[in-house]
């Protein structure tokens, strides 16, 4: 009864209640997410629509987000149309094929959002645009660029007056800082953000990604800790029926961690590079080399696998340099460095 009364009150108020006020009243209620979702879909006020799209995105309610994108893409308000266009890009990035790990054409997305003309005072739109750029640069392994956008988001966040928008954007900033500090090999800071996100998020799908990164972050420290987070991610993906996430975890992260620790019993992968990594872990050097030498080009990871298989210091040095120079990935640069140190002993 209370839910119907609350919805009735929202719909019949002469002036639409700000969404942050609604959220504050519903916070901690058993039906908070369902009530907020329904109210997001019926709101008409421009400020509320902008907040609603962020709320739906942050909570993984993509079907409902698409409804609002379609509702606002031809709005009279230029701000609302621009907001809708950016969320459409974010929505598209989430709708991937079952075995597709990365979104298509991140370079196009970067160009697209940068063609959207913004005033200096369009703080909310600047944050959204910078978030898209962070996600796209992550997709193409340009991790060094993330830091610049993080700083810009921090500056623009200071101008966000709506408490709910601020909270939602702050959570997204924490996500990007979680990844940024991981790639900088600043693991204490990375884990601080990671564990905070696990505690604060209501988005179960997001928890899969957080556990996945935490698992990788423990690679050099603890097999048990890494596998604990890996298993939690796999369990959540299985419970949600998240096929793409389940596929990625099993064929990439799980296979990678298991091969690194040479704990490959019952482990397999459809990915050719990880097949080579598993073969290397099982001391099947010929299979590892044969698979990798069939590649036209090698990633820094694959150069590391091949350098390790051949005990080739030059390949390992090149892998290390590429992790640093091409990717600004100081975490995974430790792989070839560790191998080089072992060969030098």
C-alpha atoms as a PDB file:
ATOM      1  CA  UNK A   1       0.000   0.000   0.000  1.00  0.00           C
ATOM      2  CA  UNK A   2       2.785   2.419   0.933  1.00  0.00           C
ATOM      3  CA  UNK A   3       4.458   1.987  -2.460  1.00  0.00           C
ATOM      4  CA  UNK A   4       1.236   2.866  -4.320  1.00  0.00           C
ATOM      5  CA  UNK A   5       0.681   5.872  -2.077  1.00  0.00           C
ATOM      6  CA  UNK A   6       4.234   7.103  -2.652  1.00  0.00           C
ATOM      7  CA  UNK A   7       3.916   6.753  -6.436  1.00  0.00           C
ATOM      8  CA  UNK A   8       0.544   8.512  -6.337  1.00  0.00           C
ATOM      9  CA  UNK A   9       2.048  11.361  -4.328  1.00  0.00           C
ATOM     10  CA  UNK A  10       4.925  11.720  -6.804  1.00  0.00           C
ATOM     11  CA  UNK A  11       2.597  11.746  -9.817  1.00  0.00           C
ATOM     12  CA  UNK A  12       0.008  14.133  -8.398  1.00  0.00           C
ATOM     13  CA  UNK A  13       2.267  16.797  -6.891  1.00  0.00           C
ATOM     14  CA  UNK A  14       1.821  20.062  -8.754  1.00  0.00           C
ATOM     15  CA  UNK A  15       5.591  20.526  -8.792  1.00  0.00           C
ATOM     16  CA  UNK A  16       7.598  17.333  -9.395  1.00  0.00           C
ATOM     17  CA  UNK A  17       9.627  16.323  -6.359  1.00  0.00           C
ATOM     18  CA  UNK A  18      13.425  16.365  -6.977  1.00  0.00           C
ATOM     19  CA  UNK A  19      14.698  12.834  -7.420  1.00  0.00           C
ATOM     20  CA  UNK A  20      17.297  13.263  -4.684  1.00  0.00           C
ATOM     21  CA  UNK A  21      14.491  13.972  -2.199  1.00  0.00           C
ATOM     22  CA  UNK A  22      12.641  10.845  -3.351  1.00  0.00           C
ATOM     23  CA  UNK A  23      15.821   8.786  -3.025  1.00  0.00           C
ATOM     24  CA  UNK A  24      16.459  10.084   0.478  1.00  0.00           C
ATOM     25  CA  UNK A  25      12.957   9.039   1.534  1.00  0.00           C
ATOM     26  CA  UNK A  26      13.298   5.585  -0.030  1.00  0.00           C
ATOM     27  CA  UNK A  27      16.891   4.898   1.036  1.00  0.00           C
ATOM     28  CA  UNK A  28      17.195   1.637   2.967  1.00  0.00           C
ATOM     29  CA  UNK A  29      13.612   0.618   2.210  1.00  0.00           C
ATOM     30  CA  UNK A  30      13.239  -3.011   1.024  1.00  0.00           C
ATOM     31  CA  UNK A  31      11.692  -1.834  -2.246  1.00  0.00           C
ATOM     32  CA  UNK A  32      14.070   1.087  -2.782  1.00  0.00           C
ATOM     33  CA  UNK A  33      15.433  -0.068  -6.135  1.00  0.00           C
ATOM     34  CA  UNK A  34      12.033  -1.055  -7.554  1.00  0.00           C
ATOM     35  CA  UNK A  35      10.384   2.176  -6.407  1.00  0.00           C
ATOM     36  CA  UNK A  36      13.220   4.320  -7.715  1.00  0.00           C
ATOM     37  CA  UNK A  37      13.161   2.495 -11.044  1.00  0.00           C
ATOM     38  CA  UNK A  38       9.423   3.125 -11.474  1.00  0.00           C
ATOM     39  CA  UNK A  39       9.738   6.782 -10.515  1.00  0.00           C
ATOM     40  CA  UNK A  40      12.706   7.271 -12.878  1.00  0.00           C
ATOM     41  CA  UNK A  41      10.541   6.041 -15.750  1.00  0.00           C
ATOM     42  CA  UNK A  42       7.634   8.434 -15.100  1.00  0.00           C
ATOM     43  CA  UNK A  43       9.595  11.587 -14.248  1.00  0.00           C
ATOM     44  CA  UNK A  44       9.192  14.515 -16.666  1.00  0.00           C
ATOM     45  CA  UNK A  45      11.309  17.272 -15.123  1.00  0.00           C
ATOM     46  CA  UNK A  46      14.582  17.850 -16.994  1.00  0.00           C
ATOM     47  CA  UNK A  47      16.815  17.776 -13.905  1.00  0.00           C
ATOM     48  CA  UNK A  48      15.122  14.589 -12.720  1.00  0.00           C
ATOM     49  CA  UNK A  49      15.476  12.920 -16.120  1.00  0.00           C
ATOM     50  CA  UNK A  50      19.232  13.586 -16.109  1.00  0.00           C
ATOM     51  CA  UNK A  51      19.584  12.159 -12.603  1.00  0.00           C
ATOM     52  CA  UNK A  52      17.297   9.240 -13.493  1.00  0.00           C
ATOM     53  CA  UNK A  53      19.496   8.157 -16.408  1.00  0.00           C
ATOM     54  CA  UNK A  54      22.557   8.135 -14.167  1.00  0.00           C
ATOM     55  CA  UNK A  55      20.695   6.234 -11.428  1.00  0.00           C
ATOM     56  CA  UNK A  56      19.509   3.577 -13.890  1.00  0.00           C
ATOM     57  CA  UNK A  57      22.981   3.238 -15.444  1.00  0.00           C
ATOM     58  CA  UNK A  58      24.728   3.031 -12.081  1.00  0.00           C
ATOM     59  CA  UNK A  59      22.370   0.291 -10.914  1.00  0.00           C
ATOM     60  CA  UNK A  60      22.679  -1.745 -14.112  1.00  0.00           C
ATOM     61  CA  UNK A  61      19.042  -1.187 -15.138  1.00  0.00           C
ATOM     62  CA  UNK A  62      19.855  -1.026 -18.831  1.00  0.00           C
ATOM     63  CA  UNK A  63      16.404  -1.831 -20.231  1.00  0.00           C
ATOM     64  CA  UNK A  64      14.930   1.058 -18.278  1.00  0.00           C
ATOM     65  CA  UNK A  65      17.860   3.300 -19.213  1.00  0.00           C
ATOM     66  CA  UNK A  66      17.120   2.636 -22.905  1.00  0.00           C
ATOM     67  CA  UNK A  67      13.512   3.685 -22.306  1.00  0.00           C
ATOM     68  CA  UNK A  68      14.685   7.034 -20.958  1.00  0.00           C
ATOM     69  CA  UNK A  69      17.242   7.473 -23.753  1.00  0.00           C
ATOM     70  CA  UNK A  70      14.470   6.979 -26.321  1.00  0.00           C
ATOM     71  CA  UNK A  71      12.186   9.299 -24.354  1.00  0.00           C
ATOM     72  CA  UNK A  72      14.724  12.146 -24.266  1.00  0.00           C
ATOM     73  CA  UNK A  73      16.694  11.898 -27.513  1.00  0.00           C
ATOM     74  CA  UNK A  74      14.327  14.316 -29.306  1.00  0.00           C
ATOM     75  CA  UNK A  75      13.617  16.505 -26.275  1.00  0.00           C
ATOM     76  CA  UNK A  76      13.216  20.266 -26.696  1.00  0.00           C
ATOM     77  CA  UNK A  77      16.045  20.849 -24.235  1.00  0.00           C
ATOM     78  CA  UNK A  78      19.474  20.810 -25.865  1.00  0.00           C
ATOM     79  CA  UNK A  79      21.031  19.710 -22.552  1.00  0.00           C
ATOM     80  CA  UNK A  80      18.693  16.737 -22.384  1.00  0.00           C
ATOM     81  CA  UNK A  81      19.383  15.732 -25.990  1.00  0.00           C
ATOM     82  CA  UNK A  82      23.140  15.840 -25.359  1.00  0.00           C
ATOM     83  CA  UNK A  83      22.708  13.828 -22.161  1.00  0.00           C
ATOM     84  CA  UNK A  84      20.696  11.236 -24.067  1.00  0.00           C
ATOM     85  CA  UNK A  85      23.378  10.945 -26.769  1.00  0.00           C
ATOM     86  CA  UNK A  86      26.134  10.256 -24.240  1.00  0.00           C
ATOM     87  CA  UNK A  87      24.085   7.653 -22.379  1.00  0.00           C
ATOM     88  CA  UNK A  88      23.336   5.986 -25.720  1.00  0.00           C
ATOM     89  CA  UNK A  89      27.090   5.475 -26.159  1.00  0.00           C
ATOM     90  CA  UNK A  90      27.327   4.074 -22.619  1.00  0.00           C
ATOM     91  CA  UNK A  91      24.361   1.799 -23.277  1.00  0.00           C
ATOM     92  CA  UNK A  92      25.864   0.529 -26.537  1.00  0.00           C
ATOM     93  CA  UNK A  93      29.104  -0.349 -24.745  1.00  0.00           C
ATOM     94  CA  UNK A  94      27.179  -2.638 -22.395  1.00  0.00           C
ATOM     95  CA  UNK A  95      25.260  -4.520 -25.095  1.00  0.00           C
ATOM     96  CA  UNK A  96      27.867  -6.957 -26.369  1.00  0.00           C
ATOM     97  CA  UNK A  97      27.697 -10.433 -27.878  1.00  0.00           C
ATOM     98  CA  UNK A  98      27.979 -13.464 -25.587  1.00  0.00           C
ATOM     99  CA  UNK A  99      31.702 -14.024 -26.227  1.00  0.00           C
ATOM    100  CA  UNK A 100      32.658 -10.414 -26.926  1.00  0.00           C
ATOM    101  CA  UNK A 101      35.025  -9.083 -24.258  1.00  0.00           C
ATOM    102  CA  UNK A 102      35.592  -5.504 -25.443  1.00  0.00           C
ATOM    103  CA  UNK A 103      33.152  -3.045 -27.093  1.00  0.00           C
ATOM    104  CA  UNK A 104      33.536  -2.254 -30.788  1.00  0.00           C
ATOM    105  CA  UNK A 105      35.415   0.803 -32.055  1.00  0.00           C
ATOM    106  CA  UNK A 106      36.308   2.755 -28.899  1.00  0.00           C
ATOM    107  CA  UNK A 107      38.189   5.285 -31.049  1.00  0.00           C
ATOM    108  CA  UNK A 108      34.903   6.180 -32.763  1.00  0.00           C
ATOM    109  CA  UNK A 109      33.208   6.672 -29.380  1.00  0.00           C
ATOM    110  CA  UNK A 110      35.978   9.044 -28.276  1.00  0.00           C
ATOM    111  CA  UNK A 111      35.587  11.109 -31.453  1.00  0.00           C
ATOM    112  CA  UNK A 112      31.790  11.046 -31.162  1.00  0.00           C
ATOM    113  CA  UNK A 113      31.598  12.416 -27.622  1.00  0.00           C
ATOM    114  CA  UNK A 114      34.266  15.026 -28.361  1.00  0.00           C
ATOM    115  CA  UNK A 115      32.135  16.361 -31.217  1.00  0.00           C
ATOM    116  CA  UNK A 116      29.395  17.227 -28.722  1.00  0.00           C
ATOM    117  CA  UNK A 117      29.816  20.943 -28.039  1.00  0.00           C
ATOM    118  CA  UNK A 118      29.824  21.816 -24.358  1.00  0.00           C
ATOM    119  CA  UNK A 119      30.116  25.056 -22.442  1.00  0.00           C
ATOM    120  CA  UNK A 120      32.676  25.306 -19.657  1.00  0.00           C
ATOM    121  CA  UNK A 121      29.781  25.399 -17.180  1.00  0.00           C
ATOM    122  CA  UNK A 122      28.214  22.153 -18.455  1.00  0.00           C
ATOM    123  CA  UNK A 123      29.831  20.360 -15.530  1.00  0.00           C
ATOM    124  CA  UNK A 124      27.572  17.300 -15.560  1.00  0.00           C
ATOM    125  CA  UNK A 125      27.992  16.744 -19.299  1.00  0.00           C
ATOM    126  CA  UNK A 126      31.765  17.188 -19.020  1.00  0.00           C
ATOM    127  CA  UNK A 127      31.830  14.448 -16.368  1.00  0.00           C
ATOM    128  CA  UNK A 128      29.795  12.105 -18.569  1.00  0.00           C
ATOM    129  CA  UNK A 129      31.998  12.779 -21.583  1.00  0.00           C
ATOM    130  CA  UNK A 130      35.184  12.218 -19.594  1.00  0.00           C
ATOM    131  CA  UNK A 131      33.806   8.946 -18.197  1.00  0.00           C
ATOM    132  CA  UNK A 132      33.158   7.675 -21.733  1.00  0.00           C
ATOM    133  CA  UNK A 133      36.724   8.607 -22.677  1.00  0.00           C
ATOM    134  CA  UNK A 134      38.130   6.786 -19.635  1.00  0.00           C
ATOM    135  CA  UNK A 135      36.211   3.628 -20.540  1.00  0.00           C
ATOM    136  CA  UNK A 136      37.329   3.812 -24.157  1.00  0.00           C
ATOM    137  CA  UNK A 137      40.999   4.427 -23.337  1.00  0.00           C
ATOM    138  CA  UNK A 138      40.826   1.456 -20.965  1.00  0.00           C
ATOM    139  CA  UNK A 139      39.495  -0.671 -23.853  1.00  0.00           C
ATOM    140  CA  UNK A 140      42.513   0.240 -26.000  1.00  0.00           C
ATOM    141  CA  UNK A 141      44.980  -0.179 -23.098  1.00  0.00           C
ATOM    142  CA  UNK A 142      45.891   3.513 -22.909  1.00  0.00           C
ATOM    143  CA  UNK A 143      45.861   3.490 -19.131  1.00  0.00           C
ATOM    144  CA  UNK A 144      48.056   6.555 -18.681  1.00  0.00           C
ATOM    145  CA  UNK A 145      45.330   8.825 -20.077  1.00  0.00           C
ATOM    146  CA  UNK A 146      42.906   7.798 -17.328  1.00  0.00           C
ATOM    147  CA  UNK A 147      44.668   9.948 -14.729  1.00  0.00           C
ATOM    148  CA  UNK A 148      44.133  13.184 -16.676  1.00  0.00           C
ATOM    149  CA  UNK A 149      40.400  12.568 -16.983  1.00  0.00           C
ATOM    150  CA  UNK A 150      40.139  11.568 -13.317  1.00  0.00           C
ATOM    151  CA  UNK A 151      41.493  14.982 -12.337  1.00  0.00           C
ATOM    152  CA  UNK A 152      39.057  16.776 -14.648  1.00  0.00           C
ATOM    153  CA  UNK A 153      36.144  14.798 -13.189  1.00  0.00           C
ATOM    154  CA  UNK A 154      37.233  15.719  -9.654  1.00  0.00           C
ATOM    155  CA  UNK A 155      37.245  19.404 -10.614  1.00  0.00           C
ATOM    156  CA  UNK A 156      33.836  19.264 -12.297  1.00  0.00           C
ATOM    157  CA  UNK A 157      32.351  17.159  -9.502  1.00  0.00           C
ATOM    158  CA  UNK A 158      32.917  20.068  -7.120  1.00  0.00           C
ATOM    159  CA  UNK A 159      30.274  22.014  -9.102  1.00  0.00           C
ATOM    160  CA  UNK A 160      27.555  19.325  -8.915  1.00  0.00           C
ATOM    161  CA  UNK A 161      24.934  20.582  -6.467  1.00  0.00           C
ATOM    162  CA  UNK A 162      22.372  17.761  -6.720  1.00  0.00           C
ATOM    163  CA  UNK A 163      23.211  15.354  -3.838  1.00  0.00           C
ATOM    164  CA  UNK A 164      22.114  12.198  -5.677  1.00  0.00           C
ATOM    165  CA  UNK A 165      23.970  13.113  -8.871  1.00  0.00           C
ATOM    166  CA  UNK A 166      27.038  13.896  -6.792  1.00  0.00           C
ATOM    167  CA  UNK A 167      26.843  10.529  -5.004  1.00  0.00           C
ATOM    168  CA  UNK A 168      26.398   8.597  -8.253  1.00  0.00           C
ATOM    169  CA  UNK A 169      29.236  10.411 -10.053  1.00  0.00           C
ATOM    170  CA  UNK A 170      31.481  10.038  -7.003  1.00  0.00           C
ATOM    171  CA  UNK A 171      30.921   6.272  -7.165  1.00  0.00           C
ATOM    172  CA  UNK A 172      31.886   6.264 -10.833  1.00  0.00           C
ATOM    173  CA  UNK A 173      35.011   8.273 -10.045  1.00  0.00           C
ATOM    174  CA  UNK A 174      35.905   5.709  -7.371  1.00  0.00           C
ATOM    175  CA  UNK A 175      35.612   2.990 -10.038  1.00  0.00           C
ATOM    176  CA  UNK A 176      38.025   4.768 -12.347  1.00  0.00           C
ATOM    177  CA  UNK A 177      40.462   5.447  -9.477  1.00  0.00           C
ATOM    178  CA  UNK A 178      40.260   1.759  -8.537  1.00  0.00           C
ATOM    179  CA  UNK A 179      41.463   0.833 -12.018  1.00  0.00           C
ATOM    180  CA  UNK A 180      43.932   3.713 -12.348  1.00  0.00           C
ATOM    181  CA  UNK A 181      45.799   2.884  -9.140  1.00  0.00           C
ATOM    182  CA  UNK A 182      45.826  -0.822 -10.078  1.00  0.00           C
ATOM    183  CA  UNK A 183      47.565  -0.026 -13.364  1.00  0.00           C
ATOM    184  CA  UNK A 184      49.970   2.287 -11.537  1.00  0.00           C
ATOM    185  CA  UNK A 185      50.792  -0.655  -9.239  1.00  0.00           C
ATOM    186  CA  UNK A 186      49.529   1.334  -6.265  1.00  0.00           C
ATOM    187  CA  UNK A 187      47.717  -1.590  -4.736  1.00  0.00           C
ATOM    188  CA  UNK A 188      46.878  -0.175  -1.297  1.00  0.00           C
ATOM    189  CA  UNK A 189      45.022   2.717  -2.920  1.00  0.00           C
ATOM    190  CA  UNK A 190      43.435   0.486  -5.556  1.00  0.00           C
ATOM    191  CA  UNK A 191      42.078  -1.932  -2.962  1.00  0.00           C
ATOM    192  CA  UNK A 192      40.791   0.926  -0.820  1.00  0.00           C
ATOM    193  CA  UNK A 193      38.530   1.980  -3.679  1.00  0.00           C
ATOM    194  CA  UNK A 194      37.714  -1.602  -4.667  1.00  0.00           C
ATOM    195  CA  UNK A 195      36.533  -2.719  -1.243  1.00  0.00           C
ATOM    196  CA  UNK A 196      34.620   0.536  -0.740  1.00  0.00           C
ATOM    197  CA  UNK A 197      32.788  -0.072  -4.016  1.00  0.00           C
ATOM    198  CA  UNK A 198      31.916  -3.629  -2.992  1.00  0.00           C
ATOM    199  CA  UNK A 199      30.400  -2.315   0.222  1.00  0.00           C
ATOM    200  CA  UNK A 200      28.482   0.574  -1.313  1.00  0.00           C
ATOM    201  CA  UNK A 201      27.157  -0.679  -4.651  1.00  0.00           C
ATOM    202  CA  UNK A 202      23.715  -2.227  -5.096  1.00  0.00           C
ATOM    203  CA  UNK A 203      24.648  -3.288  -8.627  1.00  0.00           C
ATOM    204  CA  UNK A 204      25.360  -7.019  -8.431  1.00  0.00           C
ATOM    205  CA  UNK A 205      26.668  -7.057 -12.003  1.00  0.00           C
ATOM    206  CA  UNK A 206      29.232  -4.404 -11.065  1.00  0.00           C
ATOM    207  CA  UNK A 207      30.480  -6.636  -8.243  1.00  0.00           C
ATOM    208  CA  UNK A 208      31.608  -9.165 -10.860  1.00  0.00           C
ATOM    209  CA  UNK A 209      33.949  -6.578 -12.411  1.00  0.00           C
ATOM    210  CA  UNK A 210      35.244  -5.447  -9.014  1.00  0.00           C
ATOM    211  CA  UNK A 211      36.050  -9.007  -7.901  1.00  0.00           C
ATOM    212  CA  UNK A 212      37.663  -9.673 -11.288  1.00  0.00           C
ATOM    213  CA  UNK A 213      40.073  -6.751 -10.872  1.00  0.00           C
ATOM    214  CA  UNK A 214      40.730  -7.528  -7.206  1.00  0.00           C
ATOM    215  CA  UNK A 215      41.592 -11.101  -8.235  1.00  0.00           C
ATOM    216  CA  UNK A 216      44.150  -9.857 -10.747  1.00  0.00           C
ATOM    217  CA  UNK A 217      45.500  -7.398  -8.202  1.00  0.00           C
ATOM    218  CA  UNK A 218      46.513 -10.266  -5.917  1.00  0.00           C
ATOM    219  CA  UNK A 219      48.401 -12.058  -8.699  1.00  0.00           C
ATOM    220  CA  UNK A 220      51.875 -11.422  -7.310  1.00  0.00           C
ATOM    221  CA  UNK A 221      50.927 -11.825  -3.659  1.00  0.00           C
ATOM    222  CA  UNK A 222      48.524 -14.676  -3.027  1.00  0.00           C
ATOM    223  CA  UNK A 223      47.053 -17.472  -5.112  1.00  0.00           C
ATOM    224  CA  UNK A 224      44.379 -18.048  -2.465  1.00  0.00           C
ATOM    225  CA  UNK A 225      43.311 -14.388  -2.340  1.00  0.00           C
ATOM    226  CA  UNK A 226      43.274 -14.147  -6.129  1.00  0.00           C
ATOM    227  CA  UNK A 227      41.197 -17.315  -6.489  1.00  0.00           C
ATOM    228  CA  UNK A 228      38.856 -16.269  -3.700  1.00  0.00           C
ATOM    229  CA  UNK A 229      37.894 -13.131  -5.613  1.00  0.00           C
ATOM    230  CA  UNK A 230      37.852 -15.073  -8.873  1.00  0.00           C
ATOM    231  CA  UNK A 231      35.440 -17.647  -7.473  1.00  0.00           C
ATOM    232  CA  UNK A 232      33.173 -14.936  -6.059  1.00  0.00           C
ATOM    233  CA  UNK A 233      33.048 -13.265  -9.482  1.00  0.00           C
ATOM    234  CA  UNK A 234      32.259 -16.574 -11.203  1.00  0.00           C
ATOM    235  CA  UNK A 235      29.573 -17.431  -8.632  1.00  0.00           C
ATOM    236  CA  UNK A 236      27.841 -14.069  -9.073  1.00  0.00           C
ATOM    237  CA  UNK A 237      28.021 -14.342 -12.878  1.00  0.00           C
ATOM    238  CA  UNK A 238      26.515 -17.819 -12.682  1.00  0.00           C
ATOM    239  CA  UNK A 239      23.696 -16.691 -10.381  1.00  0.00           C
ATOM    240  CA  UNK A 240      22.848 -13.755 -12.648  1.00  0.00           C
ATOM    241  CA  UNK A 241      23.073 -15.800 -15.836  1.00  0.00           C
ATOM    242  CA  UNK A 242      25.611 -13.249 -17.073  1.00  0.00           C
ATOM    243  CA  UNK A 243      26.931 -15.362 -19.948  1.00  0.00           C
ATOM    244  CA  UNK A 244      29.438 -12.879 -21.354  1.00  0.00           C
ATOM    245  CA  UNK A 245      30.967 -12.181 -17.940  1.00  0.00           C
ATOM    246  CA  UNK A 246      31.066 -15.896 -17.120  1.00  0.00           C
ATOM    247  CA  UNK A 247      32.804 -16.628 -20.434  1.00  0.00           C
ATOM    248  CA  UNK A 248      35.402 -13.891 -19.905  1.00  0.00           C
ATOM    249  CA  UNK A 249      36.173 -14.933 -16.342  1.00  0.00           C
ATOM    250  CA  UNK A 250      36.604 -18.606 -17.220  1.00  0.00           C
ATOM    251  CA  UNK A 251      38.556 -18.174 -20.435  1.00  0.00           C
ATOM    252  CA  UNK A 252      40.756 -15.241 -19.513  1.00  0.00           C
ATOM    253  CA  UNK A 253      41.208 -14.292 -15.837  1.00  0.00           C
ATOM    254  CA  UNK A 254      40.804 -17.757 -14.308  1.00  0.00           C
ATOM    255  CA  UNK A 255      42.999 -19.380 -16.964  1.00  0.00           C
ATOM    256  CA  UNK A 256      45.610 -16.631 -16.593  1.00  0.00           C
ATOM    257  CA  UNK A 257      45.872 -16.826 -12.786  1.00  0.00           C
ATOM    258  CA  UNK A 258      45.857 -20.627 -12.804  1.00  0.00           C
ATOM    259  CA  UNK A 259      48.608 -20.759 -15.437  1.00  0.00           C
ATOM    260  CA  UNK A 260      50.719 -18.155 -13.605  1.00  0.00           C
ATOM    261  CA  UNK A 261      50.643 -20.329 -10.480  1.00  0.00           C
ATOM    262  CA  UNK A 262      50.930 -23.587 -12.494  1.00  0.00           C
ATOM    263  CA  UNK A 263      47.671 -24.802 -10.946  1.00  0.00           C
ATOM    264  CA  UNK A 264      46.040 -25.847 -14.214  1.00  0.00           C
ATOM    265  CA  UNK A 265      44.291 -29.115 -13.341  1.00  0.00           C
ATOM    266  CA  UNK A 266      40.797 -28.886 -14.836  1.00  0.00           C
ATOM    267  CA  UNK A 267      41.529 -25.470 -16.361  1.00  0.00           C
ATOM    268  CA  UNK A 268      41.037 -24.734 -20.068  1.00  0.00           C
ATOM    269  CA  UNK A 269      40.516 -21.726 -22.303  1.00  0.00           C
ATOM    270  CA  UNK A 270      39.119 -21.026 -25.752  1.00  0.00           C
ATOM    271  CA  UNK A 271      41.565 -18.129 -26.122  1.00  0.00           C
ATOM    272  CA  UNK A 272      44.643 -19.154 -28.109  1.00  0.00           C
ATOM    273  CA  UNK A 273      47.070 -17.047 -26.077  1.00  0.00           C
ATOM    274  CA  UNK A 274      45.796 -18.497 -22.813  1.00  0.00           C
ATOM    275  CA  UNK A 275      45.987 -21.986 -24.326  1.00  0.00           C
ATOM    276  CA  UNK A 276      49.682 -21.227 -24.890  1.00  0.00           C
ATOM    277  CA  UNK A 277      50.013 -19.916 -21.324  1.00  0.00           C
ATOM    278  CA  UNK A 278      48.437 -23.091 -19.928  1.00  0.00           C
ATOM    279  CA  UNK A 279      50.750 -25.228 -22.092  1.00  0.00           C
ATOM    280  CA  UNK A 280      53.711 -23.260 -20.727  1.00  0.00           C
ATOM    281  CA  UNK A 281      52.520 -23.831 -17.154  1.00  0.00           C
ATOM    282  CA  UNK A 282      52.320 -27.565 -17.892  1.00  0.00           C
ATOM    283  CA  UNK A 283      55.859 -27.466 -19.310  1.00  0.00           C
ATOM    284  CA  UNK A 284      54.606 -28.209 -22.836  1.00  0.00           C
ATOM    285  CA  UNK A 285      57.042 -25.705 -24.321  1.00  0.00           C
ATOM    286  CA  UNK A 286      56.668 -26.867 -27.919  1.00  0.00           C
ATOM    287  CA  UNK A 287      52.897 -26.335 -27.919  1.00  0.00           C
ATOM    288  CA  UNK A 288      53.261 -22.924 -26.312  1.00  0.00           C
ATOM    289  CA  UNK A 289      55.865 -21.770 -28.854  1.00  0.00           C
ATOM    290  CA  UNK A 290      53.943 -23.243 -31.795  1.00  0.00           C
ATOM    291  CA  UNK A 291      50.738 -21.419 -30.875  1.00  0.00           C
ATOM    292  CA  UNK A 292      52.421 -18.070 -30.264  1.00  0.00           C
ATOM    293  CA  UNK A 293      54.688 -18.133 -33.300  1.00  0.00           C
ATOM    294  CA  UNK A 294      51.569 -18.554 -35.427  1.00  0.00           C
ATOM    295  CA  UNK A 295      50.350 -15.081 -34.361  1.00  0.00           C
ATOM    296  CA  UNK A 296      50.912 -12.264 -36.869  1.00  0.00           C
ATOM    297  CA  UNK A 297      51.601  -9.801 -34.047  1.00  0.00           C
ATOM    298  CA  UNK A 298      52.107 -10.306 -30.338  1.00  0.00           C
ATOM    299  CA  UNK A 299      50.719  -8.303 -27.450  1.00  0.00           C
ATOM    300  CA  UNK A 300      53.029  -7.541 -24.497  1.00  0.00           C
ATOM    301  CA  UNK A 301      51.408 -10.463 -22.655  1.00  0.00           C
ATOM    302  CA  UNK A 302      52.055 -12.837 -25.542  1.00  0.00           C
ATOM    303  CA  UNK A 303      55.653 -11.635 -25.863  1.00  0.00           C
ATOM    304  CA  UNK A 304      56.047 -12.378 -22.172  1.00  0.00           C
ATOM    305  CA  UNK A 305      54.672 -15.922 -22.626  1.00  0.00           C
ATOM    306  CA  UNK A 306      56.975 -16.542 -25.600  1.00  0.00           C
ATOM    307  CA  UNK A 307      59.989 -15.005 -23.881  1.00  0.00           C
ATOM    308  CA  UNK A 308      59.371 -17.193 -20.851  1.00  0.00           C
ATOM    309  CA  UNK A 309      58.969 -20.307 -23.014  1.00  0.00           C
ATOM    310  CA  UNK A 310      62.183 -19.628 -24.938  1.00  0.00           C
ATOM    311  CA  UNK A 311      64.047 -18.153 -21.955  1.00  0.00           C
ATOM    312  CA  UNK A 312      64.658 -15.199 -24.284  1.00  0.00           C
ATOM    313  CA  UNK A 313      65.752 -12.095 -22.374  1.00  0.00           C
ATOM    314  CA  UNK A 314      65.324  -9.797 -25.372  1.00  0.00           C
ATOM    315  CA  UNK A 315      61.683 -10.786 -25.801  1.00  0.00           C
ATOM    316  CA  UNK A 316      61.110 -10.253 -22.086  1.00  0.00           C
ATOM    317  CA  UNK A 317      62.799  -6.830 -22.164  1.00  0.00           C
ATOM    318  CA  UNK A 318      60.661  -5.831 -25.146  1.00  0.00           C
ATOM    319  CA  UNK A 319      57.532  -7.026 -23.344  1.00  0.00           C
ATOM    320  CA  UNK A 320      58.477  -4.961 -20.288  1.00  0.00           C
ATOM    321  CA  UNK A 321      59.153  -1.842 -22.372  1.00  0.00           C
ATOM    322  CA  UNK A 322      55.842  -2.212 -24.211  1.00  0.00           C
ATOM    323  CA  UNK A 323      53.843  -2.590 -20.997  1.00  0.00           C
ATOM    324  CA  UNK A 324      55.368   0.679 -19.806  1.00  0.00           C
ATOM    325  CA  UNK A 325      55.655   2.708 -23.008  1.00  0.00           C
ATOM    326  CA  UNK A 326      52.555   1.585 -24.906  1.00  0.00           C
ATOM    327  CA  UNK A 327      50.160   0.936 -22.034  1.00  0.00           C
ATOM    328  CA  UNK A 328      51.416   2.716 -18.905  1.00  0.00           C
ATOM    329  CA  UNK A 329      50.693  -0.617 -17.219  1.00  0.00           C
ATOM    330  CA  UNK A 330      53.112  -0.722 -14.310  1.00  0.00           C
ATOM    331  CA  UNK A 331      51.277  -3.620 -12.682  1.00  0.00           C
ATOM    332  CA  UNK A 332      51.585  -6.149 -15.490  1.00  0.00           C
ATOM    333  CA  UNK A 333      55.043  -4.843 -16.419  1.00  0.00           C
ATOM    334  CA  UNK A 334      56.119  -6.809 -13.345  1.00  0.00           C
ATOM    335  CA  UNK A 335      55.514 -10.076 -15.238  1.00  0.00           C
ATOM    336  CA  UNK A 336      58.471  -9.838 -17.665  1.00  0.00           C
ATOM    337  CA  UNK A 337      60.567  -8.067 -15.004  1.00  0.00           C
ATOM    338  CA  UNK A 338      60.005 -10.956 -12.613  1.00  0.00           C
ATOM    339  CA  UNK A 339      60.950 -13.442 -15.354  1.00  0.00           C
ATOM    340  CA  UNK A 340      64.118 -11.487 -16.177  1.00  0.00           C
ATOM    341  CA  UNK A 341      65.135 -11.431 -12.526  1.00  0.00           C
ATOM    342  CA  UNK A 342      64.616 -15.197 -12.314  1.00  0.00           C
ATOM    343  CA  UNK A 343      66.777 -15.779 -15.406  1.00  0.00           C
ATOM    344  CA  UNK A 344      69.522 -13.590 -13.943  1.00  0.00           C
ATOM    345  CA  UNK A 345      69.722 -15.549 -10.672  1.00  0.00           C
END
